[in-house]
mmCIF file of all heavy atoms, coordinates in Angstrom:
data_MODEL
# 
_entry.id   MODEL 
# 
loop_
_atom_site.group_PDB 
_atom_site.id 
_atom_site.type_symbol 
_atom_site.label_atom_id 
_atom_site.label_alt_id 
_atom_site.label_comp_id 
_atom_site.label_asym_id 
_atom_site.label_entity_id 
_atom_site.label_seq_id 
_atom_site.pdbx_PDB_ins_code 
_atom_site.Cartn_x 
_atom_site.Cartn_y 
_atom_site.Cartn_z 
_atom_site.occupancy 
_atom_site.B_iso_or_equiv 
_atom_site.pdbx_formal_charge 
_atom_site.auth_seq_id 
_atom_site.auth_comp_id 
_atom_site.auth_asym_id 
_atom_site.auth_atom_id 
_atom_site.pdbx_PDB_model_num 
ATOM 1   N N   . GLY A 1 1  ? 16.500 147.616 -56.933 1.00 0.00 ? 1  GLY A N   1 
ATOM 2   C CA  . GLY A 1 1  ? 15.550 148.714 -57.240 1.00 0.00 ? 1  GLY A CA  1 
ATOM 3   C C   . GLY A 1 1  ? 15.434 149.723 -56.055 1.00 0.00 ? 1  GLY A C   1 
ATOM 4   O O   . GLY A 1 1  ? 14.340 150.314 -55.823 1.00 0.00 ? 1  GLY A O   1 
ATOM 5   N N   . TYR A 1 2  ? 16.577 150.098 -55.428 1.00 0.00 ? 2  TYR A N   1 
ATOM 6   C CA  . TYR A 1 2  ? 16.595 151.101 -54.356 1.00 0.00 ? 2  TYR A CA  1 
ATOM 7   C C   . TYR A 1 2  ? 16.781 152.461 -55.054 1.00 0.00 ? 2  TYR A C   1 
ATOM 8   O O   . TYR A 1 2  ? 17.848 153.037 -54.840 1.00 0.00 ? 2  TYR A O   1 
ATOM 9   C CB  . TYR A 1 2  ? 17.573 150.812 -53.325 1.00 0.00 ? 2  TYR A CB  1 
ATOM 10  C CG  . TYR A 1 2  ? 17.340 149.439 -52.467 1.00 0.00 ? 2  TYR A CG  1 
ATOM 11  C CD1 . TYR A 1 2  ? 17.839 148.215 -52.987 1.00 0.00 ? 2  TYR A CD1 1 
ATOM 12  C CD2 . TYR A 1 2  ? 16.631 149.478 -51.361 1.00 0.00 ? 2  TYR A CD2 1 
ATOM 13  C CE1 . TYR A 1 2  ? 17.608 147.054 -52.227 1.00 0.00 ? 2  TYR A CE1 1 
ATOM 14  C CE2 . TYR A 1 2  ? 16.439 148.363 -50.588 1.00 0.00 ? 2  TYR A CE2 1 
ATOM 15  C CZ  . TYR A 1 2  ? 16.821 147.128 -51.135 1.00 0.00 ? 2  TYR A CZ  1 
ATOM 16  O OH  . TYR A 1 2  ? 16.607 145.983 -50.339 1.00 0.00 ? 2  TYR A OH  1 
ATOM 17  N N   . GLY A 1 3  ? 15.807 152.932 -55.670 1.00 0.00 ? 3  GLY A N   1 
ATOM 18  C CA  . GLY A 1 3  ? 15.950 154.154 -56.481 1.00 0.00 ? 3  GLY A CA  1 
ATOM 19  C C   . GLY A 1 3  ? 16.302 155.318 -55.742 1.00 0.00 ? 3  GLY A C   1 
ATOM 20  O O   . GLY A 1 3  ? 16.836 156.306 -56.241 1.00 0.00 ? 3  GLY A O   1 
ATOM 21  N N   . GLY A 1 4  ? 15.801 155.479 -54.453 1.00 0.00 ? 4  GLY A N   1 
ATOM 22  C CA  . GLY A 1 4  ? 15.967 156.595 -53.671 1.00 0.00 ? 4  GLY A CA  1 
ATOM 23  C C   . GLY A 1 4  ? 17.514 156.729 -53.247 1.00 0.00 ? 4  GLY A C   1 
ATOM 24  O O   . GLY A 1 4  ? 18.035 157.896 -53.443 1.00 0.00 ? 4  GLY A O   1 
ATOM 25  N N   . ILE A 1 5  ? 17.968 155.784 -52.759 1.00 0.00 ? 5  ILE A N   1 
ATOM 26  C CA  . ILE A 1 5  ? 19.467 155.755 -52.300 1.00 0.00 ? 5  ILE A CA  1 
ATOM 27  C C   . ILE A 1 5  ? 20.315 155.989 -53.594 1.00 0.00 ? 5  ILE A C   1 
ATOM 28  O O   . ILE A 1 5  ? 21.306 156.785 -53.589 1.00 0.00 ? 5  ILE A O   1 
ATOM 29  C CB  . ILE A 1 5  ? 19.829 154.537 -51.563 1.00 0.00 ? 5  ILE A CB  1 
ATOM 30  C CG1 . ILE A 1 5  ? 19.022 154.435 -50.305 1.00 0.00 ? 5  ILE A CG1 1 
ATOM 31  C CG2 . ILE A 1 5  ? 21.298 154.531 -51.184 1.00 0.00 ? 5  ILE A CG2 1 
ATOM 32  C CD1 . ILE A 1 5  ? 19.190 153.071 -49.580 1.00 0.00 ? 5  ILE A CD1 1 
ATOM 33  N N   . VAL A 1 6  ? 20.073 155.213 -54.668 1.00 0.00 ? 6  VAL A N   1 
ATOM 34  C CA  . VAL A 1 6  ? 20.805 155.282 -55.828 1.00 0.00 ? 6  VAL A CA  1 
ATOM 35  C C   . VAL A 1 6  ? 20.697 156.721 -56.459 1.00 0.00 ? 6  VAL A C   1 
ATOM 36  O O   . VAL A 1 6  ? 21.683 157.298 -56.826 1.00 0.00 ? 6  VAL A O   1 
ATOM 37  C CB  . VAL A 1 6  ? 20.407 154.305 -56.967 1.00 0.00 ? 6  VAL A CB  1 
ATOM 38  C CG1 . VAL A 1 6  ? 21.063 154.552 -58.297 1.00 0.00 ? 6  VAL A CG1 1 
ATOM 39  C CG2 . VAL A 1 6  ? 20.655 152.891 -56.402 1.00 0.00 ? 6  VAL A CG2 1 
ATOM 40  N N   . GLY A 1 7  ? 19.547 157.278 -56.501 1.00 0.00 ? 7  GLY A N   1 
ATOM 41  C CA  . GLY A 1 7  ? 19.255 158.661 -57.057 1.00 0.00 ? 7  GLY A CA  1 
ATOM 42  C C   . GLY A 1 7  ? 20.096 159.742 -56.320 1.00 0.00 ? 7  GLY A C   1 
ATOM 43  O O   . GLY A 1 7  ? 20.673 160.602 -56.849 1.00 0.00 ? 7  GLY A O   1 
ATOM 44  N N   . VAL A 1 8  ? 20.024 159.656 -55.028 1.00 0.00 ? 8  VAL A N   1 
ATOM 45  C CA  . VAL A 1 8  ? 20.715 160.631 -54.235 1.00 0.00 ? 8  VAL A CA  1 
ATOM 46  C C   . VAL A 1 8  ? 22.233 160.481 -54.404 1.00 0.00 ? 8  VAL A C   1 
ATOM 47  O O   . VAL A 1 8  ? 22.932 161.495 -54.471 1.00 0.00 ? 8  VAL A O   1 
ATOM 48  C CB  . VAL A 1 8  ? 20.316 160.462 -52.728 1.00 0.00 ? 8  VAL A CB  1 
ATOM 49  C CG1 . VAL A 1 8  ? 21.199 161.376 -51.877 1.00 0.00 ? 8  VAL A CG1 1 
ATOM 50  C CG2 . VAL A 1 8  ? 18.928 160.902 -52.435 1.00 0.00 ? 8  VAL A CG2 1 
ATOM 51  N N   . GLY A 1 9  ? 22.665 159.162 -54.407 1.00 0.00 ? 9  GLY A N   1 
ATOM 52  C CA  . GLY A 1 9  ? 24.207 158.953 -54.411 1.00 0.00 ? 9  GLY A CA  1 
ATOM 53  C C   . GLY A 1 9  ? 24.696 159.112 -55.786 1.00 0.00 ? 9  GLY A C   1 
ATOM 54  O O   . GLY A 1 9  ? 25.986 159.102 -55.926 1.00 0.00 ? 9  GLY A O   1 
ATOM 55  N N   . GLN A 1 10 ? 24.034 159.160 -56.902 1.00 0.00 ? 10 GLN A N   1 
ATOM 56  C CA  . GLN A 1 10 ? 24.565 159.086 -58.232 1.00 0.00 ? 10 GLN A CA  1 
ATOM 57  C C   . GLN A 1 10 ? 25.499 160.197 -58.611 1.00 0.00 ? 10 GLN A C   1 
ATOM 58  O O   . GLN A 1 10 ? 26.264 160.288 -59.582 1.00 0.00 ? 10 GLN A O   1 
ATOM 59  C CB  . GLN A 1 10 ? 23.433 158.885 -59.255 1.00 0.00 ? 10 GLN A CB  1 
ATOM 60  C CG  . GLN A 1 10 ? 22.667 160.035 -59.501 1.00 0.00 ? 10 GLN A CG  1 
ATOM 61  C CD  . GLN A 1 10 ? 21.367 159.778 -60.426 1.00 0.00 ? 10 GLN A CD  1 
ATOM 62  O OE1 . GLN A 1 10 ? 20.810 158.651 -60.288 1.00 0.00 ? 10 GLN A OE1 1 
ATOM 63  N NE2 . GLN A 1 10 ? 20.991 160.598 -61.312 1.00 0.00 ? 10 GLN A NE2 1 
ATOM 64  N N   . GLY A 1 11 ? 25.370 161.431 -57.899 1.00 0.00 ? 11 GLY A N   1 
ATOM 65  C CA  . GLY A 1 11 ? 26.126 162.591 -58.145 1.00 0.00 ? 11 GLY A CA  1 
ATOM 66  C C   . GLY A 1 11 ? 27.481 162.557 -57.552 1.00 0.00 ? 11 GLY A C   1 
ATOM 67  O O   . GLY A 1 11 ? 28.326 163.406 -57.807 1.00 0.00 ? 11 GLY A O   1 
ATOM 68  N N   . SER A 1 12 ? 27.686 161.590 -56.720 1.00 0.00 ? 12 SER A N   1 
ATOM 69  C CA  . SER A 1 12 ? 29.038 161.599 -56.072 1.00 0.00 ? 12 SER A CA  1 
ATOM 70  C C   . SER A 1 12 ? 30.026 160.508 -56.541 1.00 0.00 ? 12 SER A C   1 
ATOM 71  O O   . SER A 1 12 ? 29.571 159.551 -56.970 1.00 0.00 ? 12 SER A O   1 
ATOM 72  C CB  . SER A 1 12 ? 28.743 161.203 -54.530 1.00 0.00 ? 12 SER A CB  1 
ATOM 73  O OG  . SER A 1 12 ? 29.990 161.049 -53.819 1.00 0.00 ? 12 SER A OG  1 
ATOM 74  N N   . ALA A 1 13 ? 31.240 160.786 -56.381 1.00 0.00 ? 13 ALA A N   1 
ATOM 75  C CA  . ALA A 1 13 ? 32.298 159.785 -56.702 1.00 0.00 ? 13 ALA A CA  1 
ATOM 76  C C   . ALA A 1 13 ? 32.352 158.756 -55.691 1.00 0.00 ? 13 ALA A C   1 
ATOM 77  O O   . ALA A 1 13 ? 32.888 157.571 -56.009 1.00 0.00 ? 13 ALA A O   1 
ATOM 78  C CB  . ALA A 1 13 ? 33.713 160.441 -56.827 1.00 0.00 ? 13 ALA A CB  1 
ATOM 79  N N   . ASN A 1 14 ? 31.747 158.897 -54.602 1.00 0.00 ? 14 ASN A N   1 
ATOM 80  C CA  . ASN A 1 14 ? 31.652 157.909 -53.466 1.00 0.00 ? 14 ASN A CA  1 
ATOM 81  C C   . ASN A 1 14 ? 30.291 157.201 -53.552 1.00 0.00 ? 14 ASN A C   1 
ATOM 82  O O   . ASN A 1 14 ? 29.323 157.813 -53.165 1.00 0.00 ? 14 ASN A O   1 
ATOM 83  C CB  . ASN A 1 14 ? 31.900 158.568 -52.139 1.00 0.00 ? 14 ASN A CB  1 
ATOM 84  C CG  . ASN A 1 14 ? 33.248 159.191 -52.088 1.00 0.00 ? 14 ASN A CG  1 
ATOM 85  O OD1 . ASN A 1 14 ? 34.239 158.586 -52.243 1.00 0.00 ? 14 ASN A OD1 1 
ATOM 86  N ND2 . ASN A 1 14 ? 33.303 160.487 -51.725 1.00 0.00 ? 14 ASN A ND2 1 
ATOM 87  N N   . PRO A 1 15 ? 30.220 156.049 -54.023 1.00 0.00 ? 15 PRO A N   1 
ATOM 88  C CA  . PRO A 1 15 ? 28.881 155.380 -54.187 1.00 0.00 ? 15 PRO A CA  1 
ATOM 89  C C   . PRO A 1 15 ? 28.166 155.065 -52.976 1.00 0.00 ? 15 PRO A C   1 
ATOM 90  O O   . PRO A 1 15 ? 28.851 154.970 -51.842 1.00 0.00 ? 15 PRO A O   1 
ATOM 91  C CB  . PRO A 1 15 ? 29.206 154.136 -54.913 1.00 0.00 ? 15 PRO A CB  1 
ATOM 92  C CG  . PRO A 1 15 ? 30.617 153.856 -54.727 1.00 0.00 ? 15 PRO A CG  1 
ATOM 93  C CD  . PRO A 1 15 ? 31.311 155.106 -54.527 1.00 0.00 ? 15 PRO A CD  1 
ATOM 94  N N   . PRO A 1 16 ? 26.887 154.919 -52.944 1.00 0.00 ? 16 PRO A N   1 
ATOM 95  C CA  . PRO A 1 16 ? 25.978 154.765 -51.767 1.00 0.00 ? 16 PRO A CA  1 
ATOM 96  C C   . PRO A 1 16 ? 26.055 153.350 -51.291 1.00 0.00 ? 16 PRO A C   1 
ATOM 97  O O   . PRO A 1 16 ? 26.587 152.369 -51.852 1.00 0.00 ? 16 PRO A O   1 
ATOM 98  C CB  . PRO A 1 16 ? 24.664 155.081 -52.164 1.00 0.00 ? 16 PRO A CB  1 
ATOM 99  C CG  . PRO A 1 16 ? 24.668 154.699 -53.732 1.00 0.00 ? 16 PRO A CG  1 
ATOM 100 C CD  . PRO A 1 16 ? 26.014 155.036 -54.142 1.00 0.00 ? 16 PRO A CD  1 
ATOM 101 N N   . ARG A 1 17 ? 25.484 153.118 -50.032 1.00 0.00 ? 17 ARG A N   1 
ATOM 102 C CA  . ARG A 1 17 ? 25.469 151.864 -49.467 1.00 0.00 ? 17 ARG A CA  1 
ATOM 103 C C   . ARG A 1 17 ? 24.093 151.701 -48.653 1.00 0.00 ? 17 ARG A C   1 
ATOM 104 O O   . ARG A 1 17 ? 23.548 152.764 -48.142 1.00 0.00 ? 17 ARG A O   1 
ATOM 105 C CB  . ARG A 1 17 ? 26.584 151.595 -48.348 1.00 0.00 ? 17 ARG A CB  1 
ATOM 106 C CG  . ARG A 1 17 ? 27.882 151.515 -48.992 1.00 0.00 ? 17 ARG A CG  1 
ATOM 107 C CD  . ARG A 1 17 ? 28.178 150.144 -49.726 1.00 0.00 ? 17 ARG A CD  1 
ATOM 108 N NE  . ARG A 1 17 ? 29.502 150.012 -50.138 1.00 0.00 ? 17 ARG A NE  1 
ATOM 109 C CZ  . ARG A 1 17 ? 29.928 150.543 -51.471 1.00 0.00 ? 17 ARG A CZ  1 
ATOM 110 N NH1 . ARG A 1 17 ? 29.198 151.114 -52.322 1.00 0.00 ? 17 ARG A NH1 1 
ATOM 111 N NH2 . ARG A 1 17 ? 31.293 150.241 -51.845 1.00 0.00 ? 17 ARG A NH2 1 
ATOM 112 N N   . LEU A 1 18 ? 23.635 150.482 -48.414 1.00 0.00 ? 18 LEU A N   1 
ATOM 113 C CA  . LEU A 1 18 ? 22.541 150.212 -47.470 1.00 0.00 ? 18 LEU A CA  1 
ATOM 114 C C   . LEU A 1 18 ? 22.983 149.114 -46.566 1.00 0.00 ? 18 LEU A C   1 
ATOM 115 O O   . LEU A 1 18 ? 23.344 148.050 -47.063 1.00 0.00 ? 18 LEU A O   1 
ATOM 116 C CB  . LEU A 1 18 ? 21.287 149.823 -48.120 1.00 0.00 ? 18 LEU A CB  1 
ATOM 117 C CG  . LEU A 1 18 ? 20.009 149.502 -47.311 1.00 0.00 ? 18 LEU A CG  1 
ATOM 118 C CD1 . LEU A 1 18 ? 19.538 150.621 -46.501 1.00 0.00 ? 18 LEU A CD1 1 
ATOM 119 C CD2 . LEU A 1 18 ? 18.901 148.795 -48.057 1.00 0.00 ? 18 LEU A CD2 1 
ATOM 120 N N   . VAL A 1 19 ? 22.966 149.432 -45.217 1.00 0.00 ? 19 VAL A N   1 
ATOM 121 C CA  . VAL A 1 19 ? 23.487 148.523 -44.263 1.00 0.00 ? 19 VAL A CA  1 
ATOM 122 C C   . VAL A 1 19 ? 22.251 147.996 -43.454 1.00 0.00 ? 19 VAL A C   1 
ATOM 123 O O   . VAL A 1 19 ? 21.459 148.796 -43.059 1.00 0.00 ? 19 VAL A O   1 
ATOM 124 C CB  . VAL A 1 19 ? 24.500 149.208 -43.281 1.00 0.00 ? 19 VAL A CB  1 
ATOM 125 C CG1 . VAL A 1 19 ? 24.847 148.086 -42.256 1.00 0.00 ? 19 VAL A CG1 1 
ATOM 126 C CG2 . VAL A 1 19 ? 25.766 149.569 -44.120 1.00 0.00 ? 19 VAL A CG2 1 
ATOM 127 N N   . ARG A 1 20 ? 22.223 146.758 -43.321 1.00 0.00 ? 20 ARG A N   1 
ATOM 128 C CA  . ARG A 1 20 ? 21.205 145.989 -42.398 1.00 0.00 ? 20 ARG A CA  1 
ATOM 129 C C   . ARG A 1 20 ? 21.924 145.390 -41.269 1.00 0.00 ? 20 ARG A C   1 
ATOM 130 O O   . ARG A 1 20 ? 22.705 144.492 -41.475 1.00 0.00 ? 20 ARG A O   1 
ATOM 131 C CB  . ARG A 1 20 ? 20.308 145.074 -43.175 1.00 0.00 ? 20 ARG A CB  1 
ATOM 132 C CG  . ARG A 1 20 ? 19.208 144.456 -42.308 1.00 0.00 ? 20 ARG A CG  1 
ATOM 133 C CD  . ARG A 1 20 ? 18.526 143.353 -43.116 1.00 0.00 ? 20 ARG A CD  1 
ATOM 134 N NE  . ARG A 1 20 ? 17.287 142.712 -42.352 1.00 0.00 ? 20 ARG A NE  1 
ATOM 135 C CZ  . ARG A 1 20 ? 17.452 141.826 -41.346 1.00 0.00 ? 20 ARG A CZ  1 
ATOM 136 N NH1 . ARG A 1 20 ? 18.669 141.349 -41.197 1.00 0.00 ? 20 ARG A NH1 1 
ATOM 137 N NH2 . ARG A 1 20 ? 16.386 141.347 -40.805 1.00 0.00 ? 20 ARG A NH2 1 
ATOM 138 N N   . LEU A 1 21 ? 21.528 145.743 -40.086 1.00 0.00 ? 21 LEU A N   1 
ATOM 139 C CA  . LEU A 1 21 ? 22.088 145.204 -38.855 1.00 0.00 ? 21 LEU A CA  1 
ATOM 140 C C   . LEU A 1 21 ? 20.863 144.482 -38.144 1.00 0.00 ? 21 LEU A C   1 
ATOM 141 O O   . LEU A 1 21 ? 19.797 144.864 -38.193 1.00 0.00 ? 21 LEU A O   1 
ATOM 142 C CB  . LEU A 1 21 ? 22.658 146.234 -38.005 1.00 0.00 ? 21 LEU A CB  1 
ATOM 143 C CG  . LEU A 1 21 ? 23.845 146.993 -38.457 1.00 0.00 ? 21 LEU A CG  1 
ATOM 144 C CD1 . LEU A 1 21 ? 23.895 148.361 -37.812 1.00 0.00 ? 21 LEU A CD1 1 
ATOM 145 C CD2 . LEU A 1 21 ? 25.119 146.340 -38.172 1.00 0.00 ? 21 LEU A CD2 1 
ATOM 146 N N   . SER A 1 22 ? 21.282 143.354 -37.474 1.00 0.00 ? 22 SER A N   1 
ATOM 147 C CA  . SER A 1 22 ? 20.125 142.760 -36.603 1.00 0.00 ? 22 SER A CA  1 
ATOM 148 C C   . SER A 1 22 ? 20.632 142.183 -35.413 1.00 0.00 ? 22 SER A C   1 
ATOM 149 O O   . SER A 1 22 ? 21.780 141.606 -35.220 1.00 0.00 ? 22 SER A O   1 
ATOM 150 C CB  . SER A 1 22 ? 19.447 141.653 -37.501 1.00 0.00 ? 22 SER A CB  1 
ATOM 151 O OG  . SER A 1 22 ? 20.370 140.622 -37.773 1.00 0.00 ? 22 SER A OG  1 
ATOM 152 N N   . TYR A 1 23 ? 19.710 142.326 -34.319 1.00 0.00 ? 23 TYR A N   1 
ATOM 153 C CA  . TYR A 1 23 ? 20.040 141.667 -32.932 1.00 0.00 ? 23 TYR A CA  1 
ATOM 154 C C   . TYR A 1 23 ? 18.872 140.917 -32.749 1.00 0.00 ? 23 TYR A C   1 
ATOM 155 O O   . TYR A 1 23 ? 17.680 141.249 -32.949 1.00 0.00 ? 23 TYR A O   1 
ATOM 156 C CB  . TYR A 1 23 ? 20.112 142.812 -31.932 1.00 0.00 ? 23 TYR A CB  1 
ATOM 157 C CG  . TYR A 1 23 ? 19.797 142.290 -30.581 1.00 0.00 ? 23 TYR A CG  1 
ATOM 158 C CD1 . TYR A 1 23 ? 20.649 141.606 -29.817 1.00 0.00 ? 23 TYR A CD1 1 
ATOM 159 C CD2 . TYR A 1 23 ? 18.489 142.548 -29.940 1.00 0.00 ? 23 TYR A CD2 1 
ATOM 160 C CE1 . TYR A 1 23 ? 20.248 141.130 -28.471 1.00 0.00 ? 23 TYR A CE1 1 
ATOM 161 C CE2 . TYR A 1 23 ? 18.119 142.079 -28.676 1.00 0.00 ? 23 TYR A CE2 1 
ATOM 162 C CZ  . TYR A 1 23 ? 19.118 141.355 -28.029 1.00 0.00 ? 23 TYR A CZ  1 
ATOM 163 O OH  . TYR A 1 23 ? 18.758 140.845 -26.744 1.00 0.00 ? 23 TYR A OH  1 
ATOM 164 N N   . THR A 1 24 ? 19.043 139.591 -32.329 1.00 0.00 ? 24 THR A N   1 
ATOM 165 C CA  . THR A 1 24 ? 17.885 138.747 -32.008 1.00 0.00 ? 24 THR A CA  1 
ATOM 166 C C   . THR A 1 24 ? 18.004 138.177 -30.641 1.00 0.00 ? 24 THR A C   1 
ATOM 167 O O   . THR A 1 24 ? 19.187 137.928 -30.094 1.00 0.00 ? 24 THR A O   1 
ATOM 168 C CB  . THR A 1 24 ? 17.870 137.473 -32.943 1.00 0.00 ? 24 THR A CB  1 
ATOM 169 O OG1 . THR A 1 24 ? 19.037 136.835 -32.888 1.00 0.00 ? 24 THR A OG1 1 
ATOM 170 C CG2 . THR A 1 24 ? 17.630 138.026 -34.412 1.00 0.00 ? 24 THR A CG2 1 
ATOM 171 N N   . HIS A 1 25 ? 16.856 137.984 -30.037 1.00 0.00 ? 25 HIS A N   1 
ATOM 172 C CA  . HIS A 1 25 ? 16.775 137.530 -28.623 1.00 0.00 ? 25 HIS A CA  1 
ATOM 173 C C   . HIS A 1 25 ? 15.952 136.102 -28.698 1.00 0.00 ? 25 HIS A C   1 
ATOM 174 O O   . HIS A 1 25 ? 14.888 136.058 -29.415 1.00 0.00 ? 25 HIS A O   1 
ATOM 175 C CB  . HIS A 1 25 ? 16.083 138.310 -27.626 1.00 0.00 ? 25 HIS A CB  1 
ATOM 176 C CG  . HIS A 1 25 ? 16.276 137.986 -26.247 1.00 0.00 ? 25 HIS A CG  1 
ATOM 177 N ND1 . HIS A 1 25 ? 15.440 136.884 -25.709 1.00 0.00 ? 25 HIS A ND1 1 
ATOM 178 C CD2 . HIS A 1 25 ? 16.964 138.393 -25.229 1.00 0.00 ? 25 HIS A CD2 1 
ATOM 179 C CE1 . HIS A 1 25 ? 15.796 136.809 -24.449 1.00 0.00 ? 25 HIS A CE1 1 
ATOM 180 N NE2 . HIS A 1 25 ? 16.708 137.696 -24.121 1.00 0.00 ? 25 HIS A NE2 1 
ATOM 181 N N   . PRO A 1 26 ? 16.476 135.022 -28.178 1.00 0.00 ? 26 PRO A N   1 
ATOM 182 C CA  . PRO A 1 26 ? 15.763 133.714 -28.347 1.00 0.00 ? 26 PRO A CA  1 
ATOM 183 C C   . PRO A 1 26 ? 14.273 133.689 -27.864 1.00 0.00 ? 26 PRO A C   1 
ATOM 184 O O   . PRO A 1 26 ? 13.567 132.875 -28.308 1.00 0.00 ? 26 PRO A O   1 
ATOM 185 C CB  . PRO A 1 26 ? 16.660 132.806 -27.614 1.00 0.00 ? 26 PRO A CB  1 
ATOM 186 C CG  . PRO A 1 26 ? 17.449 133.574 -26.614 1.00 0.00 ? 26 PRO A CG  1 
ATOM 187 C CD  . PRO A 1 26 ? 17.695 134.942 -27.380 1.00 0.00 ? 26 PRO A CD  1 
ATOM 188 N N   . GLU A 1 27 ? 13.948 134.586 -26.895 1.00 0.00 ? 27 GLU A N   1 
ATOM 189 C CA  . GLU A 1 27 ? 12.647 134.559 -26.304 1.00 0.00 ? 27 GLU A CA  1 
ATOM 190 C C   . GLU A 1 27 ? 11.793 135.810 -26.744 1.00 0.00 ? 27 GLU A C   1 
ATOM 191 O O   . GLU A 1 27 ? 10.861 136.055 -26.253 1.00 0.00 ? 27 GLU A O   1 
ATOM 192 C CB  . GLU A 1 27 ? 12.790 134.612 -24.744 1.00 0.00 ? 27 GLU A CB  1 
ATOM 193 C CG  . GLU A 1 27 ? 13.529 133.206 -24.255 1.00 0.00 ? 27 GLU A CG  1 
ATOM 194 C CD  . GLU A 1 27 ? 13.719 133.334 -22.803 1.00 0.00 ? 27 GLU A CD  1 
ATOM 195 O OE1 . GLU A 1 27 ? 12.952 134.015 -22.148 1.00 0.00 ? 27 GLU A OE1 1 
ATOM 196 O OE2 . GLU A 1 27 ? 14.585 132.558 -22.289 1.00 0.00 ? 27 GLU A OE2 1 
ATOM 197 N N   . ALA A 1 28 ? 12.183 136.447 -27.716 1.00 0.00 ? 28 ALA A N   1 
ATOM 198 C CA  . ALA A 1 28 ? 11.604 137.739 -28.145 1.00 0.00 ? 28 ALA A CA  1 
ATOM 199 C C   . ALA A 1 28 ? 10.300 137.392 -28.989 1.00 0.00 ? 28 ALA A C   1 
ATOM 200 O O   . ALA A 1 28 ? 10.144 136.352 -29.655 1.00 0.00 ? 28 ALA A O   1 
ATOM 201 C CB  . ALA A 1 28 ? 12.453 138.517 -29.114 1.00 0.00 ? 28 ALA A CB  1 
# 
């Protein structure tokens, strides 16, 4: 249901992506 990213990317031959990165600290 990521309609914003899909909507913007639907005009391109190169499809969109959503990347999630994470850094964790054991004492955070």
